[in-house]
């Protein structure tokens, strides 16, 4: 199986080709041994990706995924 080289919170990582953002979050947070905080927000290459779009967002080589705690309120 071919892999993609990506960056997860600034660290180089590899995921299988065809991986979605949602799948990568599950894979990479398990690899770190910690569950992501809830709610978690994500950015892909500096642009916010809504939770509802993560499963449809395919990753490409060189992508940068950033996770951070979502801020709610107004």
PDB file of N, CA and C in Angstrom:
ATOM      1  N   UNK A   1       0.845  -1.176   0.000  1.00  0.00           N
ATOM      2  CA  UNK A   1       0.000   0.000   0.000  1.00  0.00           C
ATOM      3  C   UNK A   1       0.888   1.235   0.000  1.00  0.00           C
ATOM      4  N   UNK A   2       0.560   2.194  -0.830  1.00  0.00           N
ATOM      5  CA  UNK A   2       1.318   3.436  -0.901  1.00  0.00           C
ATOM      6  C   UNK A   2       0.911   4.371   0.225  1.00  0.00           C
ATOM      7  N   UNK A   3       1.870   5.189   0.651  1.00  0.00           N
ATOM      8  CA  UNK A   3       1.597   6.132   1.729  1.00  0.00           C
ATOM      9  C   UNK A   3       1.836   7.561   1.264  1.00  0.00           C
ATOM     10  N   UNK A   4       1.243   8.491   2.017  1.00  0.00           N
ATOM     11  CA  UNK A   4       1.435   9.925   1.794  1.00  0.00           C
ATOM     12  C   UNK A   4       2.235  10.480   2.961  1.00  0.00           C
ATOM     13  N   UNK A   5       3.153  11.360   2.661  1.00  0.00           N
ATOM     14  CA  UNK A   5       3.871  12.091   3.708  1.00  0.00           C
ATOM     15  C   UNK A   5       3.101  13.371   3.974  1.00  0.00           C
ATOM     16  N   UNK A   6       2.686  13.560   5.229  1.00  0.00           N
ATOM     17  CA  UNK A   6       1.933  14.749   5.630  1.00  0.00           C
ATOM     18  C   UNK A   6       2.555  15.294   6.914  1.00  0.00           C
ATOM     19  N   UNK A   7       1.987  16.392   7.408  1.00  0.00           N
ATOM     20  CA  UNK A   7       2.405  16.966   8.682  1.00  0.00           C
ATOM     21  C   UNK A   7       1.185  17.051   9.583  1.00  0.00           C
ATOM     22  N   UNK A   8       1.338  16.582  10.815  1.00  0.00           N
ATOM     23  CA  UNK A   8       0.272  16.605  11.804  1.00  0.00           C
ATOM     24  C   UNK A   8       0.769  17.424  12.983  1.00  0.00           C
ATOM     25  N   UNK A   9       0.164  18.595  13.159  1.00  0.00           N
ATOM     26  CA  UNK A   9       0.602  19.531  14.205  1.00  0.00           C
ATOM     27  C   UNK A   9       2.109  19.767  14.143  1.00  0.00           C
ATOM     28  N   UNK A  10       2.609  19.944  12.915  1.00  0.00           N
ATOM     29  CA  UNK A  10       4.008  20.281  12.695  1.00  0.00           C
ATOM     30  C   UNK A  10       4.965  19.114  12.617  1.00  0.00           C
ATOM     31  N   UNK A  11       4.492  17.914  12.917  1.00  0.00           N
ATOM     32  CA  UNK A  11       5.352  16.731  12.909  1.00  0.00           C
ATOM     33  C   UNK A  11       5.143  15.928  11.625  1.00  0.00           C
ATOM     34  N   UNK A  12       6.222  15.482  10.980  1.00  0.00           N
ATOM     35  CA  UNK A  12       6.053  14.652   9.781  1.00  0.00           C
ATOM     36  C   UNK A  12       5.443  13.298  10.137  1.00  0.00           C
ATOM     37  N   UNK A  13       4.483  12.878   9.358  1.00  0.00           N
ATOM     38  CA  UNK A  13       3.798  11.592   9.558  1.00  0.00           C
ATOM     39  C   UNK A  13       3.507  10.982   8.197  1.00  0.00           C
ATOM     40  N   UNK A  14       3.081   9.725   8.194  1.00  0.00           N
ATOM     41  CA  UNK A  14       2.668   9.029   6.977  1.00  0.00           C
ATOM     42  C   UNK A  14       1.295   8.422   7.199  1.00  0.00           C
ATOM     43  N   UNK A  15       0.470   8.488   6.152  1.00  0.00           N
ATOM     44  CA  UNK A  15      -0.852   7.857   6.170  1.00  0.00           C
ATOM     45  C   UNK A  15      -1.042   7.158   4.829  1.00  0.00           C
ATOM     46  N   UNK A  16      -1.907   6.151   4.770  1.00  0.00           N
ATOM     47  CA  UNK A  16      -2.160   5.475   3.496  1.00  0.00           C
ATOM     48  C   UNK A  16      -2.806   6.425   2.473  1.00  0.00           C
ATOM     49  N   UNK A  17      -2.480   6.226   1.199  1.00  0.00           N
ATOM     50  CA  UNK A  17      -3.161   6.981   0.141  1.00  0.00           C
ATOM     51  C   UNK A  17      -4.659   6.752   0.264  1.00  0.00           C
ATOM     52  N   UNK A  18      -5.454   7.779  -0.031  1.00  0.00           N
ATOM     53  CA  UNK A  18      -6.897   7.661   0.036  1.00  0.00           C
ATOM     54  C   UNK A  18      -7.461   7.948   1.424  1.00  0.00           C
ATOM     55  N   UNK A  19      -6.601   8.371   2.358  1.00  0.00           N
ATOM     56  CA  UNK A  19      -7.044   8.669   3.711  1.00  0.00           C
ATOM     57  C   UNK A  19      -7.776  10.004   3.751  1.00  0.00           C
ATOM     58  N   UNK A  20      -8.905  10.028   4.463  1.00  0.00           N
ATOM     59  CA  UNK A  20      -9.632  11.280   4.664  1.00  0.00           C
ATOM     60  C   UNK A  20      -9.092  11.985   5.906  1.00  0.00           C
ATOM     61  N   UNK A  21      -9.458  13.233   6.044  1.00  0.00           N
ATOM     62  CA  UNK A  21      -9.055  13.978   7.234  1.00  0.00           C
ATOM     63  C   UNK A  21      -9.582  13.300   8.495  1.00  0.00           C
ATOM     64  N   UNK A  22     -10.818  12.839   8.475  1.00  0.00           N
ATOM     65  CA  UNK A  22     -11.399  12.165   9.640  1.00  0.00           C
ATOM     66  C   UNK A  22     -10.611  10.900   9.987  1.00  0.00           C
ATOM     67  N   UNK A  23     -10.266  10.113   8.984  1.00  0.00           N
ATOM     68  CA  UNK A  23      -9.495   8.890   9.228  1.00  0.00           C
ATOM     69  C   UNK A  23      -8.109   9.221   9.774  1.00  0.00           C
ATOM     70  N   UNK A  24      -7.486  10.254   9.235  1.00  0.00           N
ATOM     71  CA  UNK A  24      -6.160  10.648   9.707  1.00  0.00           C
ATOM     72  C   UNK A  24      -6.204  11.082  11.163  1.00  0.00           C
ATOM     73  N   UNK A  25      -7.237  11.822  11.536  1.00  0.00           N
ATOM     74  CA  UNK A  25      -7.363  12.234  12.936  1.00  0.00           C
ATOM     75  C   UNK A  25      -7.443  11.019  13.845  1.00  0.00           C
ATOM     76  N   UNK A  26      -8.236  10.036  13.453  1.00  0.00           N
ATOM     77  CA  UNK A  26      -8.366   8.818  14.262  1.00  0.00           C
ATOM     78  C   UNK A  26      -7.030   8.073  14.334  1.00  0.00           C
ATOM     79  N   UNK A  27      -6.370   7.910  13.197  1.00  0.00           N
ATOM     80  CA  UNK A  27      -5.090   7.196  13.160  1.00  0.00           C
ATOM     81  C   UNK A  27      -4.011   7.899  13.972  1.00  0.00           C
ATOM     82  N   UNK A  28      -3.877   9.183  13.764  1.00  0.00           N
ATOM     83  CA  UNK A  28      -2.752   9.907  14.343  1.00  0.00           C
ATOM     84  C   UNK A  28      -2.939  10.213  15.817  1.00  0.00           C
ATOM     85  N   UNK A  29      -4.152  10.413  16.252  1.00  0.00           N
ATOM     86  CA  UNK A  29      -4.347  10.640  17.685  1.00  0.00           C
ATOM     87  C   UNK A  29      -4.178   9.331  18.453  1.00  0.00           C
ATOM     88  N   UNK A  30      -4.563   8.202  17.848  1.00  0.00           N
ATOM     89  CA  UNK A  30      -4.318   6.897  18.484  1.00  0.00           C
ATOM     90  C   UNK A  30      -2.825   6.635  18.592  1.00  0.00           C
ATOM     91  N   UNK A  31      -2.087   7.023  17.545  1.00  0.00           N
ATOM     92  CA  UNK A  31      -0.637   6.812  17.543  1.00  0.00           C
ATOM     93  C   UNK A  31       0.029   7.615  18.651  1.00  0.00           C
ATOM     94  N   UNK A  32      -0.542   8.770  18.981  1.00  0.00           N
ATOM     95  CA  UNK A  32       0.008   9.602  20.054  1.00  0.00           C
ATOM     96  C   UNK A  32      -0.397   9.098  21.431  1.00  0.00           C
ATOM     97  N   UNK A  33      -1.347   8.143  21.469  1.00  0.00           N
ATOM     98  CA  UNK A  33      -1.776   7.582  22.732  1.00  0.00           C
ATOM     99  C   UNK A  33      -2.775   8.429  23.492  1.00  0.00           C
ATOM    100  N   UNK A  34      -3.339   9.431  22.818  1.00  0.00           N
ATOM    101  CA  UNK A  34      -4.300  10.298  23.492  1.00  0.00           C
ATOM    102  C   UNK A  34      -5.488  10.547  22.578  1.00  0.00           C
ATOM    103  N   UNK A  35      -6.645  10.613  23.177  1.00  0.00           N
ATOM    104  CA  UNK A  35      -7.843  10.956  22.414  1.00  0.00           C
ATOM    105  C   UNK A  35      -7.862  12.468  22.208  1.00  0.00           C
ATOM    106  N   UNK A  36      -8.371  12.927  21.062  1.00  0.00           N
ATOM    107  CA  UNK A  36      -8.430  14.371  20.837  1.00  0.00           C
ATOM    108  C   UNK A  36      -9.425  15.014  21.795  1.00  0.00           C
ATOM    109  N   UNK A  37      -9.157  16.245  22.203  1.00  0.00           N
ATOM    110  CA  UNK A  37     -10.119  16.925  23.062  1.00  0.00           C
ATOM    111  C   UNK A  37     -11.410  17.186  22.302  1.00  0.00           C
ATOM    112  N   UNK A  38     -12.503  17.248  23.024  1.00  0.00           N
ATOM    113  CA  UNK A  38     -13.785  17.508  22.365  1.00  0.00           C
ATOM    114  C   UNK A  38     -14.308  18.832  22.868  1.00  0.00           C
ATOM    115  N   UNK A  39     -14.765  19.704  22.065  1.00  0.00           N
ATOM    116  CA  UNK A  39     -14.693  19.613  20.609  1.00  0.00           C
ATOM    117  C   UNK A  39     -13.306  20.017  20.092  1.00  0.00           C
ATOM    118  N   UNK A  40     -12.930  19.437  18.983  1.00  0.00           N
ATOM    119  CA  UNK A  40     -11.645  19.733  18.361  1.00  0.00           C
ATOM    120  C   UNK A  40     -11.917  20.413  17.021  1.00  0.00           C
ATOM    121  N   UNK A  41     -11.125  21.413  16.702  1.00  0.00           N
ATOM    122  CA  UNK A  41     -11.235  22.077  15.409  1.00  0.00           C
ATOM    123  C   UNK A  41     -10.031  21.665  14.573  1.00  0.00           C
ATOM    124  N   UNK A  42     -10.193  21.698  13.266  1.00  0.00           N
ATOM    125  CA  UNK A  42      -9.110  21.287  12.380  1.00  0.00           C
ATOM    126  C   UNK A  42      -8.893  22.315  11.283  1.00  0.00           C
ATOM    127  N   UNK A  43      -7.646  22.420  10.878  1.00  0.00           N
ATOM    128  CA  UNK A  43      -7.285  23.224   9.719  1.00  0.00           C
ATOM    129  C   UNK A  43      -6.446  22.338   8.809  1.00  0.00           C
ATOM    130  N   UNK A  44      -6.652  22.487   7.532  1.00  0.00           N
ATOM    131  CA  UNK A  44      -5.872  21.767   6.532  1.00  0.00           C
ATOM    132  C   UNK A  44      -5.192  22.812   5.670  1.00  0.00           C
ATOM    133  N   UNK A  45      -3.871  22.821   5.713  1.00  0.00           N
ATOM    134  CA  UNK A  45      -3.081  23.807   4.974  1.00  0.00           C
ATOM    135  C   UNK A  45      -3.509  25.230   5.305  1.00  0.00           C
ATOM    136  N   UNK A  46      -3.830  25.454   6.584  1.00  0.00           N
ATOM    137  CA  UNK A  46      -4.161  26.789   7.053  1.00  0.00           C
ATOM    138  C   UNK A  46      -5.611  27.200   6.919  1.00  0.00           C
ATOM    139  N   UNK A  47      -6.448  26.352   6.332  1.00  0.00           N
ATOM    140  CA  UNK A  47      -7.870  26.673   6.162  1.00  0.00           C
ATOM    141  C   UNK A  47      -8.714  25.760   7.038  1.00  0.00           C
ATOM    142  N   UNK A  48      -9.667  26.371   7.741  1.00  0.00           N
ATOM    143  CA  UNK A  48     -10.552  25.609   8.621  1.00  0.00           C
ATOM    144  C   UNK A  48     -11.332  24.569   7.828  1.00  0.00           C
ATOM    145  N   UNK A  49     -11.473  23.380   8.393  1.00  0.00           N
ATOM    146  CA  UNK A  49     -12.309  22.323   7.811  1.00  0.00           C
ATOM    147  C   UNK A  49     -13.380  21.984   8.847  1.00  0.00           C
ATOM    148  N   UNK A  50     -14.625  22.223   8.488  1.00  0.00           N
ATOM    149  CA  UNK A  50     -15.741  21.937   9.390  1.00  0.00           C
ATOM    150  C   UNK A  50     -15.821  20.439   9.660  1.00  0.00           C
ATOM    151  N   UNK A  51     -16.278  20.101  10.857  1.00  0.00           N
ATOM    152  CA  UNK A  51     -16.407  18.694  11.248  1.00  0.00           C
ATOM    153  C   UNK A  51     -17.206  17.902  10.213  1.00  0.00           C
ATOM    154  N   UNK A  52     -18.256  18.483   9.685  1.00  0.00           N
ATOM    155  CA  UNK A  52     -19.114  17.791   8.712  1.00  0.00           C
ATOM    156  C   UNK A  52     -18.392  17.509   7.394  1.00  0.00           C
ATOM    157  N   UNK A  53     -17.286  18.186   7.117  1.00  0.00           N
ATOM    158  CA  UNK A  53     -16.557  17.988   5.855  1.00  0.00           C
ATOM    159  C   UNK A  53     -15.330  17.093   5.993  1.00  0.00           C
ATOM    160  N   UNK A  54     -14.997  16.701   7.199  1.00  0.00           N
ATOM    161  CA  UNK A  54     -13.768  15.915   7.397  1.00  0.00           C
ATOM    162  C   UNK A  54     -13.798  14.579   6.672  1.00  0.00           C
ATOM    163  N   UNK A  55     -14.934  13.907   6.679  1.00  0.00           N
ATOM    164  CA  UNK A  55     -15.014  12.583   6.058  1.00  0.00           C
ATOM    165  C   UNK A  55     -14.912  12.657   4.531  1.00  0.00           C
ATOM    166  N   UNK A  56     -15.232  13.788   3.939  1.00  0.00           N
ATOM    167  CA  UNK A  56     -15.157  13.947   2.486  1.00  0.00           C
ATOM    168  C   UNK A  56     -13.845  14.580   2.031  1.00  0.00           C
ATOM    169  N   UNK A  57     -13.011  14.997   2.974  1.00  0.00           N
ATOM    170  CA  UNK A  57     -11.782  15.707   2.634  1.00  0.00           C
ATOM    171  C   UNK A  57     -10.622  14.731   2.526  1.00  0.00           C
ATOM    172  N   UNK A  58     -10.213  14.438   1.287  1.00  0.00           N
ATOM    173  CA  UNK A  58      -9.081  13.535   1.052  1.00  0.00           C
ATOM    174  C   UNK A  58      -7.773  14.279   1.235  1.00  0.00           C
ATOM    175  N   UNK A  59      -6.801  13.598   1.811  1.00  0.00           N
ATOM    176  CA  UNK A  59      -5.489  14.195   2.008  1.00  0.00           C
ATOM    177  C   UNK A  59      -4.607  13.975   0.793  1.00  0.00           C
ATOM    178  N   UNK A  60      -3.651  14.876   0.625  1.00  0.00           N
ATOM    179  CA  UNK A  60      -2.675  14.791  -0.456  1.00  0.00           C
ATOM    180  C   UNK A  60      -1.278  14.900   0.159  1.00  0.00           C
ATOM    181  N   UNK A  61      -0.290  14.435  -0.571  1.00  0.00           N
ATOM    182  CA  UNK A  61       1.092  14.501  -0.093  1.00  0.00           C
ATOM    183  C   UNK A  61       1.452  15.941   0.250  1.00  0.00           C
ATOM    184  N   UNK A  62       2.100  16.116   1.398  1.00  0.00           N
ATOM    185  CA  UNK A  62       2.552  17.432   1.819  1.00  0.00           C
ATOM    186  C   UNK A  62       1.534  18.243   2.590  1.00  0.00           C
ATOM    187  N   UNK A  63       0.310  17.713   2.763  1.00  0.00           N
ATOM    188  CA  UNK A  63      -0.713  18.445   3.508  1.00  0.00           C
ATOM    189  C   UNK A  63      -0.270  18.685   4.947  1.00  0.00           C
ATOM    190  N   UNK A  64      -0.727  19.799   5.489  1.00  0.00           N
ATOM    191  CA  UNK A  64      -0.472  20.160   6.880  1.00  0.00           C
ATOM    192  C   UNK A  64      -1.798  20.171   7.623  1.00  0.00           C
ATOM    193  N   UNK A  65      -1.936  19.268   8.605  1.00  0.00           N
ATOM    194  CA  UNK A  65      -3.121  19.210   9.461  1.00  0.00           C
ATOM    195  C   UNK A  65      -2.760  19.854  10.789  1.00  0.00           C
ATOM    196  N   UNK A  66      -3.602  20.786  11.219  1.00  0.00           N
ATOM    197  CA  UNK A  66      -3.427  21.412  12.521  1.00  0.00           C
ATOM    198  C   UNK A  66      -4.703  21.201  13.316  1.00  0.00           C
ATOM    199  N   UNK A  67      -4.557  20.782  14.570  1.00  0.00           N
ATOM    200  CA  UNK A  67      -5.716  20.620  15.445  1.00  0.00           C
ATOM    201  C   UNK A  67      -5.604  21.612  16.593  1.00  0.00           C
ATOM    202  N   UNK A  68      -6.752  22.062  17.047  1.00  0.00           N
ATOM    203  CA  UNK A  68      -6.780  22.991  18.175  1.00  0.00           C
ATOM    204  C   UNK A  68      -8.153  22.912  18.820  1.00  0.00           C
ATOM    205  N   UNK A  69      -8.218  23.362  20.061  1.00  0.00           N
ATOM    206  CA  UNK A  69      -9.494  23.315  20.772  1.00  0.00           C
ATOM    207  C   UNK A  69     -10.409  24.385  20.200  1.00  0.00           C
ATOM    208  N   UNK A  70     -11.609  23.969  19.864  1.00  0.00           N
ATOM    209  CA  UNK A  70     -12.588  24.891  19.301  1.00  0.00           C
ATOM    210  C   UNK A  70     -13.046  25.875  20.375  1.00  0.00           C
ATOM    211  N   UNK A  71     -13.241  27.106  19.960  1.00  0.00           N
ATOM    212  CA  UNK A  71     -13.746  28.136  20.854  1.00  0.00           C
ATOM    213  C   UNK A  71     -15.176  28.451  20.433  1.00  0.00           C
ATOM    214  N   UNK A  72     -16.089  28.318  21.353  1.00  0.00           N
ATOM    215  CA  UNK A  72     -17.491  28.579  21.048  1.00  0.00           C
ATOM    216  C   UNK A  72     -17.982  29.735  21.909  1.00  0.00           C
ATOM    217  N   UNK A  73     -19.037  30.331  21.460  1.00  0.00           N
ATOM    218  CA  UNK A  73     -19.610  31.449  22.197  1.00  0.00           C
ATOM    219  C   UNK A  73     -19.599  32.701  21.355  1.00  0.00           C
ATOM    220  N   UNK A  74     -19.983  33.768  21.947  1.00  0.00           N
ATOM    221  CA  UNK A  74     -20.041  34.971  21.130  1.00  0.00           C
ATOM    222  C   UNK A  74     -19.951  36.220  21.865  1.00  0.00           C
TER     223      UNK A  74
END
